[in-house]
Structures are given as structure tokens and as C-alpha cells.
């Protein structure tokens, strides 16, 4: 996440893969499973609150430590069920140093919204960190018979197209821009 320390892990109600960690540090907002929403606007009914467990949370910047600029990562896969922006905020030093060449992200705007994030903010954050965004070419209109729609091909998404991505979901890629 974006903050290190201790957190409260809660399993997803209908999908264990849709589990979350809420901030559990002293002074963080209290959460009550009897409420409709948890801190950050998270919908409480989606989680098994009675099974919450204390866990240690580390920022990527802290977990990787110094020296990543000298030995960069080629690829990082981030699939954290709507907490992608929180993870990226905890990796600002790595992103600024271009220590991660390519990010492969699950893009599902409803997950981001459920976690209290504005989906388009993720795209603008990556853009501000000088990463180019790519989406499957099949998401775009392609001429009939063209190979551009193949699942293995990607098309760059420029900032004025970011709102359009809010209507799609799947995987996206962000690549450290050469500029």
C-alpha cells in the first residue's frame, strides 16, 4: 500500500481473491462492519469482517529498498483488487527512478471505485510518473480483417482517451516513457 505499518486483512465475501487490507495503525479511522461503508468509502457488505486479521504492510519503496535504480525491474504485475493506486503511491521513488520498466495492471474501474479511489486518477498518476499507458488493441475499433485486434497486441492510450477507458476492463500495461 501507500503506507507501511500494520493493517487489518479482510477476506472478500464471495471471492477470497477480492480481499483487502485496511489501515490498522494507531490514529487511523475506526471501521465497523455494522456500517454500510468502511473508511475510504469501501462497501462493507463485500467482506467477511468477522474474520479480520492483523497483518504487516510494507510500501514497495521500503520493501525493495535502495539500489533498485542500479538493478531495475523489467516487469511488475499488480493485481490488488482496486488498491492499485495505493500500491503505486507506495512506489513513488521506484517509479520516479524508472526502476520498474513495465507495469502490468488489472484495470477494473468498479474495483477502484469500491475501494474509494477515482479510477481515472490511476491513469493520471501513471502519466505524471512518465509512464505510457497501453490497452489491448481489441478494445479499439479496428478495420475488419486487420490483425491489430489480436489479444497479443497493445495500443497506446493518450490522456484525452482516459475517460474512454472507464467503460472497459481487463489488463492494461504502463511502460516507462522514453522521454
C-alpha atoms as a PDB file:
ATOM      1  CA  UNK A   1       0.000   0.000   0.000  1.00  0.00           C
ATOM      2  CA  UNK A   2       0.919   3.635   0.238  1.00  0.00           C
ATOM      3  CA  UNK A   3       1.617   3.417   3.970  1.00  0.00           C
ATOM      4  CA  UNK A   4       3.637   0.856   5.880  1.00  0.00           C
ATOM      5  CA  UNK A   5       2.822  -0.484   9.330  1.00  0.00           C
ATOM      6  CA  UNK A   6       0.039  -2.728  10.484  1.00  0.00           C
ATOM      7  CA  UNK A   7      -3.244  -3.381   8.731  1.00  0.00           C
ATOM      8  CA  UNK A   8      -6.449  -5.354   9.081  1.00  0.00           C
ATOM      9  CA  UNK A   9      -6.864  -8.069   6.445  1.00  0.00           C
ATOM     10  CA  UNK A  10     -10.434  -8.896   5.430  1.00  0.00           C
ATOM     11  CA  UNK A  11     -11.432 -11.688   3.072  1.00  0.00           C
ATOM     12  CA  UNK A  12     -13.825 -10.974   0.227  1.00  0.00           C
ATOM     13  CA  UNK A  13     -17.333 -12.305   0.888  1.00  0.00           C
ATOM     14  CA  UNK A  14     -17.900 -14.085  -2.450  1.00  0.00           C
ATOM     15  CA  UNK A  15     -14.329 -14.192  -3.701  1.00  0.00           C
ATOM     16  CA  UNK A  16     -11.303 -14.743  -1.470  1.00  0.00           C
ATOM     17  CA  UNK A  17      -9.212 -13.096  -4.206  1.00  0.00           C
ATOM     18  CA  UNK A  18     -11.131  -9.880  -3.559  1.00  0.00           C
ATOM     19  CA  UNK A  19      -9.589  -9.473  -0.099  1.00  0.00           C
ATOM     20  CA  UNK A  20      -8.363  -6.141   1.272  1.00  0.00           C
ATOM     21  CA  UNK A  21      -6.104  -4.675   3.930  1.00  0.00           C
ATOM     22  CA  UNK A  22      -7.352  -1.609   5.792  1.00  0.00           C
ATOM     23  CA  UNK A  23      -5.045   0.738   7.644  1.00  0.00           C
ATOM     24  CA  UNK A  24      -4.687  -0.500  11.196  1.00  0.00           C
ATOM     25  CA  UNK A  25      -2.165   1.988  12.559  1.00  0.00           C
ATOM     26  CA  UNK A  26      -2.971   3.968  15.713  1.00  0.00           C
ATOM     27  CA  UNK A  27      -4.975   7.040  14.789  1.00  0.00           C
ATOM     28  CA  UNK A  28      -6.400   5.529  11.597  1.00  0.00           C
ATOM     29  CA  UNK A  29     -10.179   5.678  11.155  1.00  0.00           C
ATOM     30  CA  UNK A  30     -12.110   3.035  13.041  1.00  0.00           C
ATOM     31  CA  UNK A  31     -14.081   0.596  10.961  1.00  0.00           C
ATOM     32  CA  UNK A  32     -17.285  -1.076  11.934  1.00  0.00           C
ATOM     33  CA  UNK A  33     -18.757  -3.917   9.923  1.00  0.00           C
ATOM     34  CA  UNK A  34     -22.227  -2.881  11.042  1.00  0.00           C
ATOM     35  CA  UNK A  35     -21.848   0.275   8.945  1.00  0.00           C
ATOM     36  CA  UNK A  36     -22.643   0.287   5.209  1.00  0.00           C
ATOM     37  CA  UNK A  37     -19.226   1.670   4.321  1.00  0.00           C
ATOM     38  CA  UNK A  38     -15.750   1.253   5.742  1.00  0.00           C
ATOM     39  CA  UNK A  39     -13.148   4.070   5.746  1.00  0.00           C
ATOM     40  CA  UNK A  40     -12.426   5.295   2.231  1.00  0.00           C
ATOM     41  CA  UNK A  41     -15.962   4.544   1.046  1.00  0.00           C
ATOM     42  CA  UNK A  42     -15.375   0.783   0.838  1.00  0.00           C
ATOM     43  CA  UNK A  43     -18.618  -1.217   0.777  1.00  0.00           C
ATOM     44  CA  UNK A  44     -18.573  -3.291   3.996  1.00  0.00           C
ATOM     45  CA  UNK A  45     -21.014  -5.974   2.779  1.00  0.00           C
ATOM     46  CA  UNK A  46     -18.415  -7.234   0.281  1.00  0.00           C
ATOM     47  CA  UNK A  47     -16.111  -8.509   3.052  1.00  0.00           C
ATOM     48  CA  UNK A  48     -16.117 -11.046   5.875  1.00  0.00           C
ATOM     49  CA  UNK A  49     -15.383  -8.517   8.588  1.00  0.00           C
ATOM     50  CA  UNK A  50     -15.645 -11.023  11.436  1.00  0.00           C
ATOM     51  CA  UNK A  51     -12.547 -12.800  10.062  1.00  0.00           C
ATOM     52  CA  UNK A  52     -10.299  -9.727  10.094  1.00  0.00           C
ATOM     53  CA  UNK A  53      -6.662 -10.466  10.938  1.00  0.00           C
ATOM     54  CA  UNK A  54      -3.759  -8.150  11.803  1.00  0.00           C
ATOM     55  CA  UNK A  55      -1.024  -8.157   9.125  1.00  0.00           C
ATOM     56  CA  UNK A  56       2.174  -6.233   8.436  1.00  0.00           C
ATOM     57  CA  UNK A  57       2.012  -3.861   5.442  1.00  0.00           C
ATOM     58  CA  UNK A  58       5.063  -2.574   3.557  1.00  0.00           C
ATOM     59  CA  UNK A  59       5.381   0.044   0.830  1.00  0.00           C
ATOM     60  CA  UNK A  60       7.151  -1.166  -2.329  1.00  0.00           C
ATOM     61  CA  UNK A  61       9.695   1.629  -1.891  1.00  0.00           C
ATOM     62  CA  UNK A  62      10.564   0.212   1.556  1.00  0.00           C
ATOM     63  CA  UNK A  63      10.343  -3.476   0.624  1.00  0.00           C
ATOM     64  CA  UNK A  64      12.684  -3.105  -2.342  1.00  0.00           C
ATOM     65  CA  UNK A  65      14.954  -0.605  -0.641  1.00  0.00           C
ATOM     66  CA  UNK A  66      17.827   1.381  -2.044  1.00  0.00           C
ATOM     67  CA  UNK A  67      19.708   0.311  -5.129  1.00  0.00           C
ATOM     68  CA  UNK A  68      16.731  -0.524  -7.345  1.00  0.00           C
ATOM     69  CA  UNK A  69      17.847   2.229  -9.735  1.00  0.00           C
ATOM     70  CA  UNK A  70      21.066   0.263 -10.317  1.00  0.00           C
ATOM     71  CA  UNK A  71      19.258  -3.048 -10.767  1.00  0.00           C
ATOM     72  CA  UNK A  72      15.823  -2.174 -12.226  1.00  0.00           C
ATOM     73  CA  UNK A  73      12.857  -4.493 -12.620  1.00  0.00           C
ATOM     74  CA  UNK A  74      11.782  -5.339 -16.133  1.00  0.00           C
ATOM     75  CA  UNK A  75       8.147  -6.042 -15.161  1.00  0.00           C
ATOM     76  CA  UNK A  76       5.905  -5.738 -12.116  1.00  0.00           C
ATOM     77  CA  UNK A  77       2.431  -7.321 -12.106  1.00  0.00           C
ATOM     78  CA  UNK A  78      -0.032  -5.549  -9.822  1.00  0.00           C
ATOM     79  CA  UNK A  79      -3.422  -7.164  -9.229  1.00  0.00           C
ATOM     80  CA  UNK A  80      -4.660  -5.964  -5.863  1.00  0.00           C
ATOM     81  CA  UNK A  81      -8.412  -5.745  -6.408  1.00  0.00           C
ATOM     82  CA  UNK A  82      -8.850  -1.977  -6.582  1.00  0.00           C
ATOM     83  CA  UNK A  83      -5.876  -0.951  -4.464  1.00  0.00           C
ATOM     84  CA  UNK A  84      -3.554  -0.470  -7.438  1.00  0.00           C
ATOM     85  CA  UNK A  85      -3.280   3.284  -6.887  1.00  0.00           C
ATOM     86  CA  UNK A  86      -2.423   2.774  -3.213  1.00  0.00           C
ATOM     87  CA  UNK A  87       0.360   0.342  -4.188  1.00  0.00           C
ATOM     88  CA  UNK A  88       1.704   2.783  -6.790  1.00  0.00           C
ATOM     89  CA  UNK A  89       1.664   5.652  -4.282  1.00  0.00           C
ATOM     90  CA  UNK A  90       3.874   3.457  -2.112  1.00  0.00           C
ATOM     91  CA  UNK A  91       6.284   3.030  -5.037  1.00  0.00           C
ATOM     92  CA  UNK A  92       6.806   6.693  -5.982  1.00  0.00           C
ATOM     93  CA  UNK A  93      10.591   6.516  -5.522  1.00  0.00           C
ATOM     94  CA  UNK A  94      10.821   3.406  -7.698  1.00  0.00           C
ATOM     95  CA  UNK A  95       8.618   4.962 -10.381  1.00  0.00           C
ATOM     96  CA  UNK A  96      10.465   8.296 -10.400  1.00  0.00           C
ATOM     97  CA  UNK A  97      13.785   6.463 -10.661  1.00  0.00           C
ATOM     98  CA  UNK A  98      12.390   4.397 -13.560  1.00  0.00           C
ATOM     99  CA  UNK A  99      13.322   1.288 -11.557  1.00  0.00           C
ATOM    100  CA  UNK A 100      10.254  -0.520 -12.896  1.00  0.00           C
ATOM    101  CA  UNK A 101      10.322  -0.664 -16.682  1.00  0.00           C
ATOM    102  CA  UNK A 102       6.809  -2.019 -17.243  1.00  0.00           C
ATOM    103  CA  UNK A 103       3.745  -2.355 -15.039  1.00  0.00           C
ATOM    104  CA  UNK A 104       1.066  -4.921 -15.856  1.00  0.00           C
ATOM    105  CA  UNK A 105      -2.133  -3.885 -14.069  1.00  0.00           C
ATOM    106  CA  UNK A 106      -5.606  -5.242 -13.674  1.00  0.00           C
ATOM    107  CA  UNK A 107      -7.913  -2.435 -14.872  1.00  0.00           C
ATOM    108  CA  UNK A 108     -11.385  -2.737 -13.457  1.00  0.00           C
ATOM    109  CA  UNK A 109     -12.901   0.672 -12.634  1.00  0.00           C
ATOM    110  CA  UNK A 110     -15.633  -0.799 -10.348  1.00  0.00           C
ATOM    111  CA  UNK A 111     -12.937  -2.307  -8.095  1.00  0.00           C
ATOM    112  CA  UNK A 112     -11.177   1.055  -7.792  1.00  0.00           C
ATOM    113  CA  UNK A 113     -14.462   2.795  -7.017  1.00  0.00           C
ATOM    114  CA  UNK A 114     -15.367   0.146  -4.414  1.00  0.00           C
ATOM    115  CA  UNK A 115     -12.020   0.843  -2.720  1.00  0.00           C
ATOM    116  CA  UNK A 116     -12.732   4.570  -2.537  1.00  0.00           C
ATOM    117  CA  UNK A 117     -10.493   5.550  -5.470  1.00  0.00           C
ATOM    118  CA  UNK A 118     -11.346   7.569  -8.567  1.00  0.00           C
ATOM    119  CA  UNK A 119     -10.423   5.188 -11.436  1.00  0.00           C
ATOM    120  CA  UNK A 120      -9.161   7.902 -13.781  1.00  0.00           C
ATOM    121  CA  UNK A 121      -6.766   9.076 -11.042  1.00  0.00           C
ATOM    122  CA  UNK A 122      -4.759   5.876 -11.561  1.00  0.00           C
ATOM    123  CA  UNK A 123      -4.188   6.733 -15.217  1.00  0.00           C
ATOM    124  CA  UNK A 124      -3.261  10.353 -14.448  1.00  0.00           C
ATOM    125  CA  UNK A 125      -0.877   9.199 -11.707  1.00  0.00           C
ATOM    126  CA  UNK A 126       0.952   6.897 -14.126  1.00  0.00           C
ATOM    127  CA  UNK A 127       1.057   9.676 -16.708  1.00  0.00           C
ATOM    128  CA  UNK A 128       2.504  12.089 -14.121  1.00  0.00           C
ATOM    129  CA  UNK A 129       5.179   9.484 -13.306  1.00  0.00           C
ATOM    130  CA  UNK A 130       6.068   9.479 -17.030  1.00  0.00           C
ATOM    131  CA  UNK A 131       4.590   6.101 -17.896  1.00  0.00           C
ATOM    132  CA  UNK A 132       2.800   5.465 -21.182  1.00  0.00           C
ATOM    133  CA  UNK A 133      -0.497   3.589 -20.938  1.00  0.00           C
ATOM    134  CA  UNK A 134      -1.379   0.717 -23.278  1.00  0.00           C
ATOM    135  CA  UNK A 135      -4.649  -1.205 -23.607  1.00  0.00           C
ATOM    136  CA  UNK A 136      -5.470  -4.284 -25.677  1.00  0.00           C
ATOM    137  CA  UNK A 137      -5.810  -3.277 -29.315  1.00  0.00           C
ATOM    138  CA  UNK A 138      -9.062  -5.249 -29.392  1.00  0.00           C
ATOM    139  CA  UNK A 139     -10.655  -2.526 -27.214  1.00  0.00           C
ATOM    140  CA  UNK A 140     -10.354  -0.088 -30.098  1.00  0.00           C
ATOM    141  CA  UNK A 141     -12.228  -0.089 -33.382  1.00  0.00           C
ATOM    142  CA  UNK A 142     -10.100  -1.883 -35.915  1.00  0.00           C
ATOM    143  CA  UNK A 143     -10.765  -2.400 -39.608  1.00  0.00           C
ATOM    144  CA  UNK A 144     -12.255  -5.781 -40.472  1.00  0.00           C
ATOM    145  CA  UNK A 145      -9.570  -8.281 -41.396  1.00  0.00           C
ATOM    146  CA  UNK A 146      -6.881  -6.290 -39.603  1.00  0.00           C
ATOM    147  CA  UNK A 147      -4.527  -8.142 -37.275  1.00  0.00           C
ATOM    148  CA  UNK A 148      -4.483  -5.092 -34.962  1.00  0.00           C
ATOM    149  CA  UNK A 149      -7.268  -6.575 -32.859  1.00  0.00           C
ATOM    150  CA  UNK A 150      -5.273  -9.604 -31.760  1.00  0.00           C
ATOM    151  CA  UNK A 151      -5.177 -10.144 -27.986  1.00  0.00           C
ATOM    152  CA  UNK A 152      -1.390 -10.062 -28.016  1.00  0.00           C
ATOM    153  CA  UNK A 153      -1.227  -6.523 -29.421  1.00  0.00           C
ATOM    154  CA  UNK A 154      -1.447  -3.296 -27.481  1.00  0.00           C
ATOM    155  CA  UNK A 155      -2.407   0.241 -28.434  1.00  0.00           C
ATOM    156  CA  UNK A 156      -1.225   3.376 -26.665  1.00  0.00           C
ATOM    157  CA  UNK A 157      -3.886   5.318 -24.769  1.00  0.00           C
ATOM    158  CA  UNK A 158      -3.204   9.059 -24.739  1.00  0.00           C
ATOM    159  CA  UNK A 159      -4.556  11.304 -21.954  1.00  0.00           C
ATOM    160  CA  UNK A 160      -7.592  12.590 -23.848  1.00  0.00           C
ATOM    161  CA  UNK A 161      -8.690   8.918 -24.166  1.00  0.00           C
ATOM    162  CA  UNK A 162      -8.506   8.229 -20.413  1.00  0.00           C
ATOM    163  CA  UNK A 163     -12.253   8.829 -19.839  1.00  0.00           C
ATOM    164  CA  UNK A 164     -12.991   6.302 -22.584  1.00  0.00           C
ATOM    165  CA  UNK A 165     -11.111   3.620 -20.612  1.00  0.00           C
ATOM    166  CA  UNK A 166     -13.643   3.952 -17.796  1.00  0.00           C
ATOM    167  CA  UNK A 167     -16.018   1.875 -19.956  1.00  0.00           C
ATOM    168  CA  UNK A 168     -13.561  -1.024 -20.357  1.00  0.00           C
ATOM    169  CA  UNK A 169     -11.942  -3.545 -18.056  1.00  0.00           C
ATOM    170  CA  UNK A 170      -9.231  -6.112 -18.336  1.00  0.00           C
ATOM    171  CA  UNK A 171      -5.470  -5.762 -18.172  1.00  0.00           C
ATOM    172  CA  UNK A 172      -3.524  -2.651 -19.107  1.00  0.00           C
ATOM    173  CA  UNK A 173       0.190  -2.015 -19.357  1.00  0.00           C
ATOM    174  CA  UNK A 174       2.178   1.055 -18.364  1.00  0.00           C
ATOM    175  CA  UNK A 175       5.682   1.419 -19.767  1.00  0.00           C
ATOM    176  CA  UNK A 176       8.321   3.873 -18.600  1.00  0.00           C
ATOM    177  CA  UNK A 177       8.284   6.510 -21.326  1.00  0.00           C
ATOM    178  CA  UNK A 178      11.490   7.138 -23.231  1.00  0.00           C
ATOM    179  CA  UNK A 179      11.084  10.910 -22.678  1.00  0.00           C
END
